[in-house]
Amino acid sequence: MNSFGLNAYVFISALLFAFGFIGVLLRKNTLVIYMCLELMLIASTIALVAFSRFNGTLDGSVFVFFILTIAAAEVAVGLAIIVALFRKRHTIAVEELNALKH
């Protein structure tokens, strides 16, 4: 069984978080931005589980449980907002969604 060190998990977590952050900054599609936000949440949960495992406690796993619970609620609300915007404006491009103008 090959066991990776804490540095490998933190590196993967930081890499995923950076990809998500860059995706949020550069993308124009609201669905892609939403997926990048979820990628950032998953990256933080990987780091929490890694720190929890290497410290020998369950604190990080408890935080992960709450993060995933909040992420599930976020998915329901976020997708409902995106669908409502698409029905009203017929687009999901960020630069065309100026809610205060119409």
PDB file of N, CA and C in Angstrom:
ATOM      1  N   MET A   1       0.846  -1.181   0.000  1.00  0.00           N
ATOM      2  CA  MET A   1       0.000   0.000   0.000  1.00  0.00           C
ATOM      3  C   MET A   1       0.887   1.238   0.000  1.00  0.00           C
ATOM      4  N   ASN A   2       0.688   2.088  -0.971  1.00  0.00           N
ATOM      5  CA  ASN A   2       1.476   3.302  -1.108  1.00  0.00           C
ATOM      6  C   ASN A   2       0.802   4.436  -0.340  1.00  0.00           C
ATOM      7  N   SER A   3       1.519   5.013   0.596  1.00  0.00           N
ATOM      8  CA  SER A   3       0.967   6.088   1.402  1.00  0.00           C
ATOM      9  C   SER A   3       1.663   7.399   1.043  1.00  0.00           C
ATOM     10  N   PHE A   4       0.850   8.407   0.729  1.00  0.00           N
ATOM     11  CA  PHE A   4       1.387   9.713   0.411  1.00  0.00           C
ATOM     12  C   PHE A   4       1.532  10.527   1.676  1.00  0.00           C
ATOM     13  N   GLY A   5       2.466  11.465   1.662  1.00  0.00           N
ATOM     14  CA  GLY A   5       2.667  12.328   2.807  1.00  0.00           C
ATOM     15  C   GLY A   5       1.700  13.500   2.799  1.00  0.00           C
ATOM     16  N   LEU A   6       1.740  14.260   3.872  1.00  0.00           N
ATOM     17  CA  LEU A   6       0.869  15.415   4.017  1.00  0.00           C
ATOM     18  C   LEU A   6       1.138  16.445   2.921  1.00  0.00           C
ATOM     19  N   ASN A   7       2.401  16.583   2.533  1.00  0.00           N
ATOM     20  CA  ASN A   7       2.750  17.571   1.498  1.00  0.00           C
ATOM     21  C   ASN A   7       2.046  17.276   0.182  1.00  0.00           C
ATOM     22  N   ALA A   8       1.897  16.021  -0.174  1.00  0.00           N
ATOM     23  CA  ALA A   8       1.237  15.657  -1.427  1.00  0.00           C
ATOM     24  C   ALA A   8      -0.231  16.051  -1.393  1.00  0.00           C
ATOM     25  N   TYR A   9      -0.898  15.791  -0.285  1.00  0.00           N
ATOM     26  CA  TYR A   9      -2.310  16.161  -0.172  1.00  0.00           C
ATOM     27  C   TYR A   9      -2.510  17.678  -0.183  1.00  0.00           C
ATOM     28  N   VAL A  10      -1.649  18.388   0.505  1.00  0.00           N
ATOM     29  CA  VAL A  10      -1.754  19.845   0.536  1.00  0.00           C
ATOM     30  C   VAL A  10      -1.457  20.421  -0.850  1.00  0.00           C
ATOM     31  N   PHE A  11      -0.493  19.841  -1.559  1.00  0.00           N
ATOM     32  CA  PHE A  11      -0.181  20.303  -2.906  1.00  0.00           C
ATOM     33  C   PHE A  11      -1.361  20.086  -3.849  1.00  0.00           C
ATOM     34  N   ILE A  12      -1.969  18.902  -3.812  1.00  0.00           N
ATOM     35  CA  ILE A  12      -3.130  18.617  -4.658  1.00  0.00           C
ATOM     36  C   ILE A  12      -4.288  19.547  -4.296  1.00  0.00           C
ATOM     37  N   SER A  13      -4.500  19.763  -3.023  1.00  0.00           N
ATOM     38  CA  SER A  13      -5.569  20.655  -2.581  1.00  0.00           C
ATOM     39  C   SER A  13      -5.325  22.083  -3.065  1.00  0.00           C
ATOM     40  N   ALA A  14      -4.107  22.564  -2.929  1.00  0.00           N
ATOM     41  CA  ALA A  14      -3.778  23.922  -3.386  1.00  0.00           C
ATOM     42  C   ALA A  14      -3.905  24.032  -4.899  1.00  0.00           C
ATOM     43  N   LEU A  15      -3.515  23.002  -5.625  1.00  0.00           N
ATOM     44  CA  LEU A  15      -3.621  23.007  -7.076  1.00  0.00           C
ATOM     45  C   LEU A  15      -5.085  23.049  -7.527  1.00  0.00           C
ATOM     46  N   LEU A  16      -5.932  22.232  -6.907  1.00  0.00           N
ATOM     47  CA  LEU A  16      -7.356  22.251  -7.237  1.00  0.00           C
ATOM     48  C   LEU A  16      -7.998  23.590  -6.887  1.00  0.00           C
ATOM     49  N   PHE A  17      -7.618  24.133  -5.742  1.00  0.00           N
ATOM     50  CA  PHE A  17      -8.159  25.434  -5.347  1.00  0.00           C
ATOM     51  C   PHE A  17      -7.738  26.521  -6.330  1.00  0.00           C
ATOM     52  N   ALA A  18      -6.484  26.476  -6.765  1.00  0.00           N
ATOM     53  CA  ALA A  18      -6.002  27.467  -7.724  1.00  0.00           C
ATOM     54  C   ALA A  18      -6.737  27.340  -9.057  1.00  0.00           C
ATOM     55  N   PHE A  19      -6.961  26.104  -9.536  1.00  0.00           N
ATOM     56  CA  PHE A  19      -7.724  25.906 -10.765  1.00  0.00           C
ATOM     57  C   PHE A  19      -9.133  26.475 -10.630  1.00  0.00           C
ATOM     58  N   GLY A  20      -9.764  26.216  -9.499  1.00  0.00           N
ATOM     59  CA  GLY A  20     -11.100  26.744  -9.265  1.00  0.00           C
ATOM     60  C   GLY A  20     -11.117  28.255  -9.215  1.00  0.00           C
ATOM     61  N   PHE A  21     -10.149  28.839  -8.539  1.00  0.00           N
ATOM     62  CA  PHE A  21     -10.075  30.295  -8.413  1.00  0.00           C
ATOM     63  C   PHE A  21      -9.843  30.960  -9.764  1.00  0.00           C
ATOM     64  N   ILE A  22      -8.922  30.393 -10.544  1.00  0.00           N
ATOM     65  CA  ILE A  22      -8.659  30.937 -11.876  1.00  0.00           C
ATOM     66  C   ILE A  22      -9.898  30.788 -12.755  1.00  0.00           C
ATOM     67  N   GLY A  23     -10.604  29.661 -12.628  1.00  0.00           N
ATOM     68  CA  GLY A  23     -11.823  29.458 -13.393  1.00  0.00           C
ATOM     69  C   GLY A  23     -12.897  30.474 -13.054  1.00  0.00           C
ATOM     70  N   VAL A  24     -13.024  30.812 -11.776  1.00  0.00           N
ATOM     71  CA  VAL A  24     -14.013  31.822 -11.367  1.00  0.00           C
ATOM     72  C   VAL A  24     -13.643  33.180 -11.942  1.00  0.00           C
ATOM     73  N   LEU A  25     -12.365  33.497 -11.971  1.00  0.00           N
ATOM     74  CA  LEU A  25     -11.947  34.809 -12.471  1.00  0.00           C
ATOM     75  C   LEU A  25     -12.039  34.940 -13.987  1.00  0.00           C
ATOM     76  N   LEU A  26     -11.786  33.860 -14.717  1.00  0.00           N
ATOM     77  CA  LEU A  26     -11.659  33.963 -16.166  1.00  0.00           C
ATOM     78  C   LEU A  26     -12.890  33.548 -16.955  1.00  0.00           C
ATOM     79  N   ARG A  27     -13.750  32.733 -16.421  1.00  0.00           N
ATOM     80  CA  ARG A  27     -14.867  32.201 -17.201  1.00  0.00           C
ATOM     81  C   ARG A  27     -16.029  33.181 -17.269  1.00  0.00           C
ATOM     82  N   LYS A  28     -16.823  33.039 -18.311  1.00  0.00           N
ATOM     83  CA  LYS A  28     -17.977  33.909 -18.531  1.00  0.00           C
ATOM     84  C   LYS A  28     -19.313  33.184 -18.342  1.00  0.00           C
ATOM     85  N   ASN A  29     -19.297  31.884 -18.325  1.00  0.00           N
ATOM     86  CA  ASN A  29     -20.509  31.084 -18.200  1.00  0.00           C
ATOM     87  C   ASN A  29     -20.815  30.850 -16.723  1.00  0.00           C
ATOM     88  N   THR A  30     -22.042  31.111 -16.298  1.00  0.00           N
ATOM     89  CA  THR A  30     -22.367  30.979 -14.877  1.00  0.00           C
ATOM     90  C   THR A  30     -22.283  29.529 -14.395  1.00  0.00           C
ATOM     91  N   LEU A  31     -22.611  28.572 -15.245  1.00  0.00           N
ATOM     92  CA  LEU A  31     -22.499  27.167 -14.830  1.00  0.00           C
ATOM     93  C   LEU A  31     -21.048  26.761 -14.590  1.00  0.00           C
ATOM     94  N   VAL A  32     -20.152  27.223 -15.443  1.00  0.00           N
ATOM     95  CA  VAL A  32     -18.735  26.908 -15.271  1.00  0.00           C
ATOM     96  C   VAL A  32     -18.192  27.596 -14.019  1.00  0.00           C
ATOM     97  N   ILE A  33     -18.603  28.828 -13.785  1.00  0.00           N
ATOM     98  CA  ILE A  33     -18.191  29.525 -12.562  1.00  0.00           C
ATOM     99  C   ILE A  33     -18.686  28.775 -11.333  1.00  0.00           C
ATOM    100  N   TYR A  34     -19.910  28.294 -11.408  1.00  0.00           N
ATOM    101  CA  TYR A  34     -20.492  27.539 -10.305  1.00  0.00           C
ATOM    102  C   TYR A  34     -19.719  26.234 -10.053  1.00  0.00           C
ATOM    103  N   MET A  35     -19.335  25.553 -11.124  1.00  0.00           N
ATOM    104  CA  MET A  35     -18.544  24.324 -10.974  1.00  0.00           C
ATOM    105  C   MET A  35     -17.165  24.623 -10.396  1.00  0.00           C
ATOM    106  N   CYS A  36     -16.585  25.764 -10.763  1.00  0.00           N
ATOM    107  CA  CYS A  36     -15.286  26.142 -10.209  1.00  0.00           C
ATOM    108  C   CYS A  36     -15.393  26.452  -8.717  1.00  0.00           C
ATOM    109  N   LEU A  37     -16.503  27.058  -8.301  1.00  0.00           N
ATOM    110  CA  LEU A  37     -16.717  27.282  -6.867  1.00  0.00           C
ATOM    111  C   LEU A  37     -16.819  25.968  -6.113  1.00  0.00           C
ATOM    112  N   GLU A  38     -17.503  24.998  -6.709  1.00  0.00           N
ATOM    113  CA  GLU A  38     -17.602  23.680  -6.079  1.00  0.00           C
ATOM    114  C   GLU A  38     -16.233  23.003  -6.015  1.00  0.00           C
ATOM    115  N   LEU A  39     -15.406  23.199  -7.044  1.00  0.00           N
ATOM    116  CA  LEU A  39     -14.056  22.653  -7.033  1.00  0.00           C
ATOM    117  C   LEU A  39     -13.238  23.254  -5.897  1.00  0.00           C
ATOM    118  N   MET A  40     -13.435  24.533  -5.632  1.00  0.00           N
ATOM    119  CA  MET A  40     -12.739  25.173  -4.516  1.00  0.00           C
ATOM    120  C   MET A  40     -13.192  24.585  -3.178  1.00  0.00           C
ATOM    121  N   LEU A  41     -14.486  24.297  -3.037  1.00  0.00           N
ATOM    122  CA  LEU A  41     -14.971  23.665  -1.806  1.00  0.00           C
ATOM    123  C   LEU A  41     -14.382  22.272  -1.617  1.00  0.00           C
ATOM    124  N   ILE A  42     -14.315  21.502  -2.688  1.00  0.00           N
ATOM    125  CA  ILE A  42     -13.743  20.155  -2.610  1.00  0.00           C
ATOM    126  C   ILE A  42     -12.266  20.222  -2.256  1.00  0.00           C
ATOM    127  N   ALA A  43     -11.550  21.203  -2.793  1.00  0.00           N
ATOM    128  CA  ALA A  43     -10.133  21.367  -2.460  1.00  0.00           C
ATOM    129  C   ALA A  43      -9.958  21.645  -0.973  1.00  0.00           C
ATOM    130  N   SER A  44     -10.828  22.467  -0.414  1.00  0.00           N
ATOM    131  CA  SER A  44     -10.712  22.748   1.024  1.00  0.00           C
ATOM    132  C   SER A  44     -11.041  21.514   1.857  1.00  0.00           C
ATOM    133  N   THR A  45     -11.981  20.696   1.405  1.00  0.00           N
ATOM    134  CA  THR A  45     -12.291  19.478   2.167  1.00  0.00           C
ATOM    135  C   THR A  45     -11.143  18.476   2.107  1.00  0.00           C
ATOM    136  N   ILE A  46     -10.450  18.406   0.972  1.00  0.00           N
ATOM    137  CA  ILE A  46      -9.280  17.516   0.880  1.00  0.00           C
ATOM    138  C   ILE A  46      -8.223  17.942   1.886  1.00  0.00           C
ATOM    139  N   ALA A  47      -7.968  19.241   1.978  1.00  0.00           N
ATOM    140  CA  ALA A  47      -6.980  19.734   2.933  1.00  0.00           C
ATOM    141  C   ALA A  47      -7.410  19.455   4.372  1.00  0.00           C
ATOM    142  N   LEU A  48      -8.681  19.661   4.675  1.00  0.00           N
ATOM    143  CA  LEU A  48      -9.155  19.407   6.040  1.00  0.00           C
ATOM    144  C   LEU A  48      -9.037  17.933   6.421  1.00  0.00           C
ATOM    145  N   VAL A  49      -9.397  17.049   5.505  1.00  0.00           N
ATOM    146  CA  VAL A  49      -9.288  15.613   5.795  1.00  0.00           C
ATOM    147  C   VAL A  49      -7.831  15.206   5.945  1.00  0.00           C
ATOM    148  N   ALA A  50      -6.949  15.759   5.111  1.00  0.00           N
ATOM    149  CA  ALA A  50      -5.524  15.423   5.215  1.00  0.00           C
ATOM    150  C   ALA A  50      -4.950  15.878   6.553  1.00  0.00           C
ATOM    151  N   PHE A  51      -5.251  17.113   6.947  1.00  0.00           N
ATOM    152  CA  PHE A  51      -4.750  17.598   8.236  1.00  0.00           C
ATOM    153  C   PHE A  51      -5.333  16.793   9.391  1.00  0.00           C
ATOM    154  N   SER A  52      -6.593  16.441   9.283  1.00  0.00           N
ATOM    155  CA  SER A  52      -7.236  15.658  10.326  1.00  0.00           C
ATOM    156  C   SER A  52      -6.595  14.275  10.451  1.00  0.00           C
ATOM    157  N   ARG A  53      -6.335  13.652   9.318  1.00  0.00           N
ATOM    158  CA  ARG A  53      -5.742  12.308   9.334  1.00  0.00           C
ATOM    159  C   ARG A  53      -4.330  12.328   9.900  1.00  0.00           C
ATOM    160  N   PHE A  54      -3.544  13.326   9.499  1.00  0.00           N
ATOM    161  CA  PHE A  54      -2.157  13.365   9.952  1.00  0.00           C
ATOM    162  C   PHE A  54      -2.017  13.872  11.385  1.00  0.00           C
ATOM    163  N   ASN A  55      -3.047  14.533  11.913  1.00  0.00           N
ATOM    164  CA  ASN A  55      -3.034  14.919  13.331  1.00  0.00           C
ATOM    165  C   ASN A  55      -3.660  13.849  14.213  1.00  0.00           C
ATOM    166  N   GLY A  56      -4.339  12.895  13.618  1.00  0.00           N
ATOM    167  CA  GLY A  56      -4.947  11.817  14.385  1.00  0.00           C
ATOM    168  C   GLY A  56      -6.242  12.211  15.076  1.00  0.00           C
ATOM    169  N   THR A  57      -6.916  13.247  14.589  1.00  0.00           N
ATOM    170  CA  THR A  57      -8.182  13.679  15.180  1.00  0.00           C
ATOM    171  C   THR A  57      -9.297  13.577  14.141  1.00  0.00           C
ATOM    172  N   LEU A  58     -10.509  13.780  14.598  1.00  0.00           N
ATOM    173  CA  LEU A  58     -11.656  13.772  13.703  1.00  0.00           C
ATOM    174  C   LEU A  58     -12.219  15.172  13.466  1.00  0.00           C
ATOM    175  N   ASP A  59     -11.520  16.200  13.924  1.00  0.00           N
ATOM    176  CA  ASP A  59     -12.019  17.562  13.791  1.00  0.00           C
ATOM    177  C   ASP A  59     -12.221  17.959  12.332  1.00  0.00           C
ATOM    178  N   GLY A  60     -11.260  17.665  11.483  1.00  0.00           N
ATOM    179  CA  GLY A  60     -11.376  18.007  10.072  1.00  0.00           C
ATOM    180  C   GLY A  60     -12.514  17.281   9.397  1.00  0.00           C
ATOM    181  N   SER A  61     -12.737  16.031   9.774  1.00  0.00           N
ATOM    182  CA  SER A  61     -13.832  15.260   9.184  1.00  0.00           C
ATOM    183  C   SER A  61     -15.188  15.824   9.574  1.00  0.00           C
ATOM    184  N   VAL A  62     -15.300  16.339  10.776  1.00  0.00           N
ATOM    185  CA  VAL A  62     -16.547  16.974  11.211  1.00  0.00           C
ATOM    186  C   VAL A  62     -16.796  18.244  10.395  1.00  0.00           C
ATOM    187  N   PHE A  63     -15.746  19.034  10.180  1.00  0.00           N
ATOM    188  CA  PHE A  63     -15.890  20.230   9.350  1.00  0.00           C
ATOM    189  C   PHE A  63     -16.270  19.864   7.917  1.00  0.00           C
ATOM    190  N   VAL A  64     -15.707  18.781   7.397  1.00  0.00           N
ATOM    191  CA  VAL A  64     -16.031  18.331   6.046  1.00  0.00           C
ATOM    192  C   VAL A  64     -17.506  17.960   5.951  1.00  0.00           C
ATOM    193  N   PHE A  65     -18.025  17.321   6.971  1.00  0.00           N
ATOM    194  CA  PHE A  65     -19.448  16.975   6.980  1.00  0.00           C
ATOM    195  C   PHE A  65     -20.312  18.223   6.851  1.00  0.00           C
ATOM    196  N   PHE A  66     -19.976  19.266   7.600  1.00  0.00           N
ATOM    197  CA  PHE A  66     -20.748  20.505   7.525  1.00  0.00           C
ATOM    198  C   PHE A  66     -20.552  21.210   6.183  1.00  0.00           C
ATOM    199  N   ILE A  67     -19.344  21.196   5.649  1.00  0.00           N
ATOM    200  CA  ILE A  67     -19.090  21.821   4.351  1.00  0.00           C
ATOM    201  C   ILE A  67     -19.888  21.128   3.262  1.00  0.00           C
ATOM    202  N   LEU A  68     -19.919  19.810   3.262  1.00  0.00           N
ATOM    203  CA  LEU A  68     -20.666  19.085   2.237  1.00  0.00           C
ATOM    204  C   LEU A  68     -22.173  19.267   2.401  1.00  0.00           C
ATOM    205  N   THR A  69     -22.644  19.413   3.626  1.00  0.00           N
ATOM    206  CA  THR A  69     -24.058  19.690   3.843  1.00  0.00           C
ATOM    207  C   THR A  69     -24.436  21.061   3.289  1.00  0.00           C
ATOM    208  N   ILE A  70     -23.604  22.046   3.561  1.00  0.00           N
ATOM    209  CA  ILE A  70     -23.856  23.390   3.039  1.00  0.00           C
ATOM    210  C   ILE A  70     -23.718  23.404   1.521  1.00  0.00           C
ATOM    211  N   ALA A  71     -22.771  22.644   0.969  1.00  0.00           N
ATOM    212  CA  ALA A  71     -22.599  22.584  -0.482  1.00  0.00           C
ATOM    213  C   ALA A  71     -23.822  21.971  -1.159  1.00  0.00           C
ATOM    214  N   ALA A  72     -24.447  20.994  -0.526  1.00  0.00           N
ATOM    215  CA  ALA A  72     -25.654  20.399  -1.103  1.00  0.00           C
ATOM    216  C   ALA A  72     -26.792  21.416  -1.154  1.00  0.00           C
ATOM    217  N   ALA A  73     -26.934  22.193  -0.097  1.00  0.00           N
ATOM    218  CA  ALA A  73     -27.959  23.247  -0.103  1.00  0.00           C
ATOM    219  C   ALA A  73     -27.611  24.321  -1.125  1.00  0.00           C
ATOM    220  N   GLU A  74     -26.332  24.629  -1.259  1.00  0.00           N
ATOM    221  CA  GLU A  74     -25.887  25.616  -2.238  1.00  0.00           C
ATOM    222  C   GLU A  74     -26.188  25.162  -3.660  1.00  0.00           C
ATOM    223  N   VAL A  75     -26.030  23.894  -3.926  1.00  0.00           N
ATOM    224  CA  VAL A  75     -26.330  23.359  -5.259  1.00  0.00           C
ATOM    225  C   VAL A  75     -27.802  23.562  -5.585  1.00  0.00           C
ATOM    226  N   ALA A  76     -28.671  23.256  -4.648  1.00  0.00           N
ATOM    227  CA  ALA A  76     -30.111  23.402  -4.896  1.00  0.00           C
ATOM    228  C   ALA A  76     -30.484  24.860  -5.146  1.00  0.00           C
ATOM    229  N   VAL A  77     -30.008  25.756  -4.312  1.00  0.00           N
ATOM    230  CA  VAL A  77     -30.354  27.172  -4.451  1.00  0.00           C
ATOM    231  C   VAL A  77     -29.662  27.784  -5.671  1.00  0.00           C
ATOM    232  N   GLY A  78     -28.393  27.480  -5.863  1.00  0.00           N
ATOM    233  CA  GLY A  78     -27.643  28.053  -6.979  1.00  0.00           C
ATOM    234  C   GLY A  78     -28.184  27.632  -8.333  1.00  0.00           C
ATOM    235  N   LEU A  79     -28.481  26.360  -8.489  1.00  0.00           N
ATOM    236  CA  LEU A  79     -29.036  25.910  -9.768  1.00  0.00           C
ATOM    237  C   LEU A  79     -30.430  26.470 -10.005  1.00  0.00           C
ATOM    238  N   ALA A  80     -31.212  26.631  -8.950  1.00  0.00           N
ATOM    239  CA  ALA A  80     -32.532  27.253  -9.105  1.00  0.00           C
ATOM    240  C   ALA A  80     -32.396  28.701  -9.567  1.00  0.00           C
ATOM    241  N   ILE A  81     -31.429  29.429  -9.038  1.00  0.00           N
ATOM    242  CA  ILE A  81     -31.203  30.810  -9.462  1.00  0.00           C
ATOM    243  C   ILE A  81     -30.745  30.860 -10.911  1.00  0.00           C
ATOM    244  N   ILE A  82     -29.853  29.956 -11.296  1.00  0.00           N
ATOM    245  CA  ILE A  82     -29.363  29.924 -12.675  1.00  0.00           C
ATOM    246  C   ILE A  82     -30.495  29.597 -13.642  1.00  0.00           C
ATOM    247  N   VAL A  83     -31.348  28.644 -13.287  1.00  0.00           N
ATOM    248  CA  VAL A  83     -32.481  28.296 -14.148  1.00  0.00           C
ATOM    249  C   VAL A  83     -33.454  29.463 -14.259  1.00  0.00           C
ATOM    250  N   ALA A  84     -33.702  30.156 -13.160  1.00  0.00           N
ATOM    251  CA  ALA A  84     -34.605  31.313 -13.198  1.00  0.00           C
ATOM    252  C   ALA A  84     -34.026  32.434 -14.064  1.00  0.00           C
ATOM    253  N   LEU A  85     -32.730  32.674 -13.948  1.00  0.00           N
ATOM    254  CA  LEU A  85     -32.102  33.689 -14.797  1.00  0.00           C
ATOM    255  C   LEU A  85     -32.167  33.295 -16.267  1.00  0.00           C
ATOM    256  N   PHE A  86     -31.952  32.019 -16.557  1.00  0.00           N
ATOM    257  CA  PHE A  86     -32.004  31.575 -17.948  1.00  0.00           C
ATOM    258  C   PHE A  86     -33.415  31.709 -18.518  1.00  0.00           C
ATOM    259  N   ARG A  87     -34.419  31.392 -17.719  1.00  0.00           N
ATOM    260  CA  ARG A  87     -35.798  31.521 -18.197  1.00  0.00           C
ATOM    261  C   ARG A  87     -36.169  32.974 -18.468  1.00  0.00           C
ATOM    262  N   LYS A  88     -35.659  33.879 -17.647  1.00  0.00           N
ATOM    263  CA  LYS A  88     -36.017  35.290 -17.818  1.00  0.00           C
ATOM    264  C   LYS A  88     -35.194  35.961 -18.914  1.00  0.00           C
ATOM    265  N   ARG A  89     -33.892  35.696 -18.970  1.00  0.00           N
ATOM    266  CA  ARG A  89     -32.993  36.400 -19.889  1.00  0.00           C
ATOM    267  C   ARG A  89     -32.574  35.581 -21.104  1.00  0.00           C
ATOM    268  N   HIS A  90     -32.805  34.278 -21.107  1.00  0.00           N
ATOM    269  CA  HIS A  90     -32.428  33.362 -22.193  1.00  0.00           C
ATOM    270  C   HIS A  90     -30.926  33.341 -22.449  1.00  0.00           C
ATOM    271  N   THR A  91     -30.146  33.545 -21.402  1.00  0.00           N
ATOM    272  CA  THR A  91     -28.698  33.450 -21.497  1.00  0.00           C
ATOM    273  C   THR A  91     -28.136  33.146 -20.107  1.00  0.00           C
ATOM    274  N   ILE A  92     -26.942  32.551 -20.100  1.00  0.00           N
ATOM    275  CA  ILE A  92     -26.253  32.347 -18.821  1.00  0.00           C
ATOM    276  C   ILE A  92     -24.865  32.976 -18.854  1.00  0.00           C
ATOM    277  N   ALA A  93     -24.637  33.866 -19.814  1.00  0.00           N
ATOM    278  CA  ALA A  93     -23.376  34.600 -19.884  1.00  0.00           C
ATOM    279  C   ALA A  93     -23.376  35.688 -18.817  1.00  0.00           C
ATOM    280  N   VAL A  94     -22.289  35.782 -18.073  1.00  0.00           N
ATOM    281  CA  VAL A  94     -22.216  36.689 -16.931  1.00  0.00           C
ATOM    282  C   VAL A  94     -22.328  38.146 -17.353  1.00  0.00           C
ATOM    283  N   GLU A  95     -21.671  38.527 -18.445  1.00  0.00           N
ATOM    284  CA  GLU A  95     -21.678  39.943 -18.834  1.00  0.00           C
ATOM    285  C   GLU A  95     -23.039  40.415 -19.328  1.00  0.00           C
ATOM    286  N   GLU A  96     -23.933  39.493 -19.665  1.00  0.00           N
ATOM    287  CA  GLU A  96     -25.269  39.875 -20.116  1.00  0.00           C
ATOM    288  C   GLU A  96     -26.314  39.832 -18.998  1.00  0.00           C
ATOM    289  N   LEU A  97     -25.918  39.428 -17.817  1.00  0.00           N
ATOM    290  CA  LEU A  97     -26.856  39.322 -16.694  1.00  0.00           C
ATOM    291  C   LEU A  97     -26.690  40.523 -15.759  1.00  0.00           C
ATOM    292  N   ASN A  98     -27.283  41.612 -16.118  1.00  0.00           N
ATOM    293  CA  ASN A  98     -27.293  42.802 -15.276  1.00  0.00           C
ATOM    294  C   ASN A  98     -28.686  42.912 -14.667  1.00  0.00           C
ATOM    295  N   ALA A  99     -28.851  42.349 -13.487  1.00  0.00           N
ATOM    296  CA  ALA A  99     -30.162  42.229 -12.859  1.00  0.00           C
ATOM    297  C   ALA A  99     -30.773  43.590 -12.515  1.00  0.00           C
ATOM    298  N   LEU A 100     -29.978  44.588 -12.255  1.00  0.00           N
ATOM    299  CA  LEU A 100     -30.511  45.881 -11.846  1.00  0.00           C
ATOM    300  C   LEU A 100     -30.948  46.736 -13.025  1.00  0.00           C
ATOM    301  N   LYS A 101     -30.573  46.386 -14.237  1.00  0.00           N
ATOM    302  CA  LYS A 101     -30.934  47.196 -15.398  1.00  0.00           C
ATOM    303  C   LYS A 101     -32.331  46.893 -15.914  1.00  0.00           C
ATOM    304  N   HIS A 102     -32.843  45.685 -15.696  1.00  0.00           N
ATOM    305  CA  HIS A 102     -34.152  45.318 -16.240  1.00  0.00           C
ATOM    306  C   HIS A 102     -35.121  44.977 -15.138  1.00  0.00           C
TER     307      HIS A 102
END
